[in-house]
């Protein structure tokens, strides 16, 4: 299936769905900015969750043993 320059240009220049594409790009940009702004808190939260899971693994394994 060969896509020509004109066909590609026509597809990219269509305005249908462009608002949704822009909205998705804006939301992804906001998520990235928030991730960068709160990276310390996110890292600490993930570390706390990981430590909680690791600390309870013996308890969880003991529950599985018959």
PDB file of N, CA and C in Angstrom:
ATOM      1  N   UNK A   1       0.842  -1.175   0.000  1.00  0.00           N
ATOM      2  CA  UNK A   1       0.000   0.000   0.000  1.00  0.00           C
ATOM      3  C   UNK A   1       0.889   1.240   0.000  1.00  0.00           C
ATOM      4  N   UNK A   2       0.891   1.935  -1.102  1.00  0.00           N
ATOM      5  CA  UNK A   2       1.762   3.084  -1.269  1.00  0.00           C
ATOM      6  C   UNK A   2       1.005   4.366  -0.901  1.00  0.00           C
ATOM      7  N   UNK A   3       1.622   5.144  -0.025  1.00  0.00           N
ATOM      8  CA  UNK A   3       1.023   6.416   0.378  1.00  0.00           C
ATOM      9  C   UNK A   3       1.806   7.524  -0.312  1.00  0.00           C
ATOM     10  N   UNK A   4       1.104   8.324  -1.055  1.00  0.00           N
ATOM     11  CA  UNK A   4       1.758   9.397  -1.790  1.00  0.00           C
ATOM     12  C   UNK A   4       1.837  10.650  -0.937  1.00  0.00           C
ATOM     13  N   UNK A   5       2.661  11.595  -1.374  1.00  0.00           N
ATOM     14  CA  UNK A   5       2.831  12.857  -0.664  1.00  0.00           C
ATOM     15  C   UNK A   5       1.503  13.608  -0.578  1.00  0.00           C
ATOM     16  N   UNK A   6       0.770  13.656  -1.654  1.00  0.00           N
ATOM     17  CA  UNK A   6      -0.508  14.376  -1.686  1.00  0.00           C
ATOM     18  C   UNK A   6      -1.526  13.764  -0.744  1.00  0.00           C
ATOM     19  N   UNK A   7      -1.549  12.445  -0.714  1.00  0.00           N
ATOM     20  CA  UNK A   7      -2.491  11.755   0.161  1.00  0.00           C
ATOM     21  C   UNK A   7      -2.134  12.009   1.632  1.00  0.00           C
ATOM     22  N   UNK A   8      -0.859  11.963   1.936  1.00  0.00           N
ATOM     23  CA  UNK A   8      -0.411  12.220   3.305  1.00  0.00           C
ATOM     24  C   UNK A   8      -0.728  13.658   3.702  1.00  0.00           C
ATOM     25  N   UNK A   9      -0.482  14.579   2.803  1.00  0.00           N
ATOM     26  CA  UNK A   9      -0.767  15.989   3.084  1.00  0.00           C
ATOM     27  C   UNK A   9      -2.254  16.206   3.293  1.00  0.00           C
ATOM     28  N   UNK A  10      -3.077  15.545   2.529  1.00  0.00           N
ATOM     29  CA  UNK A  10      -4.528  15.671   2.657  1.00  0.00           C
ATOM     30  C   UNK A  10      -4.994  15.124   4.007  1.00  0.00           C
ATOM     31  N   UNK A  11      -4.423  13.991   4.413  1.00  0.00           N
ATOM     32  CA  UNK A  11      -4.801  13.389   5.691  1.00  0.00           C
ATOM     33  C   UNK A  11      -4.414  14.307   6.847  1.00  0.00           C
ATOM     34  N   UNK A  12      -3.202  14.873   6.769  1.00  0.00           N
ATOM     35  CA  UNK A  12      -2.736  15.736   7.847  1.00  0.00           C
ATOM     36  C   UNK A  12      -3.454  17.074   7.882  1.00  0.00           C
ATOM     37  N   UNK A  13      -3.959  17.526   6.754  1.00  0.00           N
ATOM     38  CA  UNK A  13      -4.607  18.833   6.706  1.00  0.00           C
ATOM     39  C   UNK A  13      -6.096  18.770   7.028  1.00  0.00           C
ATOM     40  N   UNK A  14      -6.661  17.588   7.166  1.00  0.00           N
ATOM     41  CA  UNK A  14      -8.070  17.472   7.501  1.00  0.00           C
ATOM     42  C   UNK A  14      -8.296  17.978   8.921  1.00  0.00           C
ATOM     43  N   UNK A  15      -9.367  18.670   9.120  1.00  0.00           N
ATOM     44  CA  UNK A  15      -9.648  19.251  10.424  1.00  0.00           C
ATOM     45  C   UNK A  15     -10.494  18.333  11.289  1.00  0.00           C
ATOM     46  N   UNK A  16     -11.015  17.277  10.759  1.00  0.00           N
ATOM     47  CA  UNK A  16     -11.825  16.351  11.541  1.00  0.00           C
ATOM     48  C   UNK A  16     -10.935  15.645  12.552  1.00  0.00           C
ATOM     49  N   UNK A  17     -11.305  15.721  13.805  1.00  0.00           N
ATOM     50  CA  UNK A  17     -10.555  15.028  14.833  1.00  0.00           C
ATOM     51  C   UNK A  17      -9.353  15.789  15.345  1.00  0.00           C
ATOM     52  N   UNK A  18      -9.096  16.959  14.800  1.00  0.00           N
ATOM     53  CA  UNK A  18      -7.910  17.696  15.242  1.00  0.00           C
ATOM     54  C   UNK A  18      -8.074  18.205  16.667  1.00  0.00           C
ATOM     55  N   UNK A  19      -9.289  18.514  17.078  1.00  0.00           N
ATOM     56  CA  UNK A  19      -9.516  18.977  18.446  1.00  0.00           C
ATOM     57  C   UNK A  19      -9.197  17.870  19.446  1.00  0.00           C
ATOM     58  N   UNK A  20      -9.540  16.642  19.112  1.00  0.00           N
ATOM     59  CA  UNK A  20      -9.257  15.525  19.998  1.00  0.00           C
ATOM     60  C   UNK A  20      -7.747  15.274  20.098  1.00  0.00           C
ATOM     61  N   UNK A  21      -7.061  15.403  18.989  1.00  0.00           N
ATOM     62  CA  UNK A  21      -5.614  15.208  18.978  1.00  0.00           C
ATOM     63  C   UNK A  21      -4.941  16.277  19.834  1.00  0.00           C
ATOM     64  N   UNK A  22      -5.367  17.512  19.689  1.00  0.00           N
ATOM     65  CA  UNK A  22      -4.803  18.596  20.483  1.00  0.00           C
ATOM     66  C   UNK A  22      -5.098  18.391  21.957  1.00  0.00           C
ATOM     67  N   UNK A  23      -6.312  17.940  22.285  1.00  0.00           N
ATOM     68  CA  UNK A  23      -6.669  17.688  23.683  1.00  0.00           C
ATOM     69  C   UNK A  23      -5.792  16.596  24.286  1.00  0.00           C
ATOM     70  N   UNK A  24      -5.536  15.544  23.534  1.00  0.00           N
ATOM     71  CA  UNK A  24      -4.681  14.460  24.026  1.00  0.00           C
ATOM     72  C   UNK A  24      -3.263  14.962  24.239  1.00  0.00           C
ATOM     73  N   UNK A  25      -2.750  15.751  23.316  1.00  0.00           N
ATOM     74  CA  UNK A  25      -1.398  16.298  23.450  1.00  0.00           C
ATOM     75  C   UNK A  25      -1.300  17.197  24.681  1.00  0.00           C
ATOM     76  N   UNK A  26      -2.314  18.021  24.911  1.00  0.00           N
ATOM     77  CA  UNK A  26      -2.316  18.901  26.079  1.00  0.00           C
ATOM     78  C   UNK A  26      -2.359  18.079  27.359  1.00  0.00           C
ATOM     79  N   UNK A  27      -3.200  17.043  27.409  1.00  0.00           N
ATOM     80  CA  UNK A  27      -3.286  16.211  28.607  1.00  0.00           C
ATOM     81  C   UNK A  27      -1.980  15.472  28.886  1.00  0.00           C
ATOM     82  N   UNK A  28      -1.344  14.976  27.849  1.00  0.00           N
ATOM     83  CA  UNK A  28      -0.053  14.296  28.034  1.00  0.00           C
ATOM     84  C   UNK A  28       0.993  15.289  28.529  1.00  0.00           C
ATOM     85  N   UNK A  29       0.989  16.493  27.999  1.00  0.00           N
ATOM     86  CA  UNK A  29       1.940  17.514  28.446  1.00  0.00           C
ATOM     87  C   UNK A  29       1.710  17.865  29.910  1.00  0.00           C
ATOM     88  N   UNK A  30       0.456  17.990  30.315  1.00  0.00           N
ATOM     89  CA  UNK A  30       0.139  18.285  31.719  1.00  0.00           C
ATOM     90  C   UNK A  30       0.611  17.148  32.610  1.00  0.00           C
ATOM     91  N   UNK A  31       0.381  15.908  32.194  1.00  0.00           N
ATOM     92  CA  UNK A  31       0.822  14.760  32.986  1.00  0.00           C
ATOM     93  C   UNK A  31       2.339  14.736  33.129  1.00  0.00           C
ATOM     94  N   UNK A  32       3.052  15.055  32.072  1.00  0.00           N
ATOM     95  CA  UNK A  32       4.515  15.081  32.134  1.00  0.00           C
ATOM     96  C   UNK A  32       4.992  16.197  33.057  1.00  0.00           C
ATOM     97  N   UNK A  33       4.389  17.372  32.946  1.00  0.00           N
ATOM     98  CA  UNK A  33       4.774  18.497  33.808  1.00  0.00           C
ATOM     99  C   UNK A  33       4.504  18.170  35.276  1.00  0.00           C
ATOM    100  N   UNK A  34       3.352  17.583  35.574  1.00  0.00           N
ATOM    101  CA  UNK A  34       3.048  17.200  36.959  1.00  0.00           C
ATOM    102  C   UNK A  34       3.999  16.121  37.457  1.00  0.00           C
ATOM    103  N   UNK A  35       4.346  15.189  36.592  1.00  0.00           N
ATOM    104  CA  UNK A  35       5.298  14.153  36.968  1.00  0.00           C
ATOM    105  C   UNK A  35       6.662  14.720  37.305  1.00  0.00           C
ATOM    106  N   UNK A  36       7.095  15.700  36.533  1.00  0.00           N
ATOM    107  CA  UNK A  36       8.380  16.341  36.804  1.00  0.00           C
ATOM    108  C   UNK A  36       8.302  17.172  38.084  1.00  0.00           C
ATOM    109  N   UNK A  37       7.197  17.895  38.266  1.00  0.00           N
ATOM    110  CA  UNK A  37       7.059  18.769  39.429  1.00  0.00           C
ATOM    111  C   UNK A  37       7.006  17.974  40.728  1.00  0.00           C
ATOM    112  N   UNK A  38       6.366  16.818  40.691  1.00  0.00           N
ATOM    113  CA  UNK A  38       6.174  16.036  41.909  1.00  0.00           C
ATOM    114  C   UNK A  38       6.981  14.744  41.909  1.00  0.00           C
ATOM    115  N   UNK A  39       8.106  14.725  41.201  1.00  0.00           N
ATOM    116  CA  UNK A  39       8.869  13.481  41.088  1.00  0.00           C
ATOM    117  C   UNK A  39       9.399  12.999  42.428  1.00  0.00           C
ATOM    118  N   UNK A  40       9.741  13.908  43.313  1.00  0.00           N
ATOM    119  CA  UNK A  40      10.219  13.510  44.641  1.00  0.00           C
ATOM    120  C   UNK A  40       9.130  12.812  45.441  1.00  0.00           C
ATOM    121  N   UNK A  41       7.943  13.395  45.439  1.00  0.00           N
ATOM    122  CA  UNK A  41       6.822  12.799  46.166  1.00  0.00           C
ATOM    123  C   UNK A  41       6.393  11.477  45.537  1.00  0.00           C
ATOM    124  N   UNK A  42       6.402  11.412  44.206  1.00  0.00           N
ATOM    125  CA  UNK A  42       6.020  10.175  43.522  1.00  0.00           C
ATOM    126  C   UNK A  42       7.025   9.078  43.838  1.00  0.00           C
ATOM    127  N   UNK A  43       8.300   9.421  43.825  1.00  0.00           N
ATOM    128  CA  UNK A  43       9.341   8.445  44.134  1.00  0.00           C
ATOM    129  C   UNK A  43       9.196   7.941  45.563  1.00  0.00           C
ATOM    130  N   UNK A  44       8.942   8.849  46.493  1.00  0.00           N
ATOM    131  CA  UNK A  44       8.772   8.454  47.894  1.00  0.00           C
ATOM    132  C   UNK A  44       7.544   7.563  48.073  1.00  0.00           C
ATOM    133  N   UNK A  45       6.455   7.898  47.398  1.00  0.00           N
ATOM    134  CA  UNK A  45       5.237   7.101  47.499  1.00  0.00           C
ATOM    135  C   UNK A  45       5.463   5.687  46.962  1.00  0.00           C
ATOM    136  N   UNK A  46       6.121   5.584  45.800  1.00  0.00           N
ATOM    137  CA  UNK A  46       6.385   4.269  45.234  1.00  0.00           C
ATOM    138  C   UNK A  46       7.337   3.466  46.115  1.00  0.00           C
ATOM    139  N   UNK A  47       8.299   4.148  46.715  1.00  0.00           N
ATOM    140  CA  UNK A  47       9.216   3.481  47.629  1.00  0.00           C
ATOM    141  C   UNK A  47       8.479   2.961  48.854  1.00  0.00           C
ATOM    142  N   UNK A  48       7.573   3.765  49.409  1.00  0.00           N
ATOM    143  CA  UNK A  48       6.781   3.339  50.565  1.00  0.00           C
ATOM    144  C   UNK A  48       5.888   2.141  50.232  1.00  0.00           C
ATOM    145  N   UNK A  49       5.286   2.175  49.055  1.00  0.00           N
ATOM    146  CA  UNK A  49       4.434   1.056  48.631  1.00  0.00           C
ATOM    147  C   UNK A  49       5.284  -0.201  48.477  1.00  0.00           C
ATOM    148  N   UNK A  50       6.449  -0.056  47.849  1.00  0.00           N
ATOM    149  CA  UNK A  50       7.330  -1.211  47.642  1.00  0.00           C
ATOM    150  C   UNK A  50       7.789  -1.782  48.978  1.00  0.00           C
ATOM    151  N   UNK A  51       8.158  -0.902  49.920  1.00  0.00           N
ATOM    152  CA  UNK A  51       8.588  -1.358  51.242  1.00  0.00           C
ATOM    153  C   UNK A  51       7.459  -2.060  51.983  1.00  0.00           C
ATOM    154  N   UNK A  52       6.239  -1.559  51.833  1.00  0.00           N
ATOM    155  CA  UNK A  52       5.088  -2.189  52.487  1.00  0.00           C
ATOM    156  C   UNK A  52       4.838  -3.576  51.916  1.00  0.00           C
ATOM    157  N   UNK A  53       4.967  -3.722  50.633  1.00  0.00           N
ATOM    158  CA  UNK A  53       4.771  -5.029  50.006  1.00  0.00           C
ATOM    159  C   UNK A  53       5.884  -5.975  50.433  1.00  0.00           C
ATOM    160  N   UNK A  54       7.114  -5.491  50.415  1.00  0.00           N
ATOM    161  CA  UNK A  54       8.260  -6.330  50.797  1.00  0.00           C
ATOM    162  C   UNK A  54       8.189  -6.716  52.276  1.00  0.00           C
ATOM    163  N   UNK A  55       7.704  -5.821  53.126  1.00  0.00           N
ATOM    164  CA  UNK A  55       7.621  -6.101  54.548  1.00  0.00           C
ATOM    165  C   UNK A  55       6.552  -7.123  54.893  1.00  0.00           C
ATOM    166  N   UNK A  56       5.526  -7.202  54.067  1.00  0.00           N
ATOM    167  CA  UNK A  56       4.420  -8.105  54.335  1.00  0.00           C
ATOM    168  C   UNK A  56       4.531  -9.417  53.565  1.00  0.00           C
ATOM    169  N   UNK A  57       5.607  -9.622  52.832  1.00  0.00           N
ATOM    170  CA  UNK A  57       5.669 -10.821  51.989  1.00  0.00           C
ATOM    171  C   UNK A  57       5.668 -12.094  52.820  1.00  0.00           C
ATOM    172  N   UNK A  58       6.329 -12.121  53.959  1.00  0.00           N
ATOM    173  CA  UNK A  58       6.307 -13.311  54.808  1.00  0.00           C
ATOM    174  C   UNK A  58       4.895 -13.578  55.314  1.00  0.00           C
ATOM    175  N   UNK A  59       4.221 -12.509  55.679  1.00  0.00           N
ATOM    176  CA  UNK A  59       2.840 -12.642  56.158  1.00  0.00           C
ATOM    177  C   UNK A  59       1.930 -13.170  55.052  1.00  0.00           C
ATOM    178  N   UNK A  60       2.121 -12.674  53.846  1.00  0.00           N
ATOM    179  CA  UNK A  60       1.292 -13.111  52.723  1.00  0.00           C
ATOM    180  C   UNK A  60       1.608 -14.566  52.362  1.00  0.00           C
ATOM    181  N   UNK A  61       2.877 -14.933  52.373  1.00  0.00           N
ATOM    182  CA  UNK A  61       3.278 -16.301  52.053  1.00  0.00           C
ATOM    183  C   UNK A  61       2.755 -17.257  53.107  1.00  0.00           C
ATOM    184  N   UNK A  62       2.795 -16.863  54.369  1.00  0.00           N
ATOM    185  CA  UNK A  62       2.297 -17.709  55.468  1.00  0.00           C
ATOM    186  C   UNK A  62       0.819 -17.986  55.298  1.00  0.00           C
ATOM    187  N   UNK A  63       0.069 -17.022  54.795  1.00  0.00           N
ATOM    188  CA  UNK A  63      -1.359 -17.216  54.569  1.00  0.00           C
ATOM    189  C   UNK A  63      -1.621 -18.212  53.447  1.00  0.00           C
ATOM    190  N   UNK A  64      -0.704 -18.318  52.498  1.00  0.00           N
ATOM    191  CA  UNK A  64      -0.892 -19.218  51.364  1.00  0.00           C
ATOM    192  C   UNK A  64      -0.526 -20.651  51.689  1.00  0.00           C
ATOM    193  N   UNK A  65       0.336 -20.856  52.667  1.00  0.00           N
ATOM    194  CA  UNK A  65       0.765 -22.199  53.010  1.00  0.00           C
ATOM    195  C   UNK A  65      -0.370 -22.936  53.721  1.00  0.00           C
ATOM    196  N   UNK A  66      -0.537 -24.188  53.376  1.00  0.00           N
ATOM    197  CA  UNK A  66      -1.608 -24.988  53.987  1.00  0.00           C
ATOM    198  C   UNK A  66      -1.104 -25.816  55.110  1.00  0.00           C
TER     199      UNK A  66
END
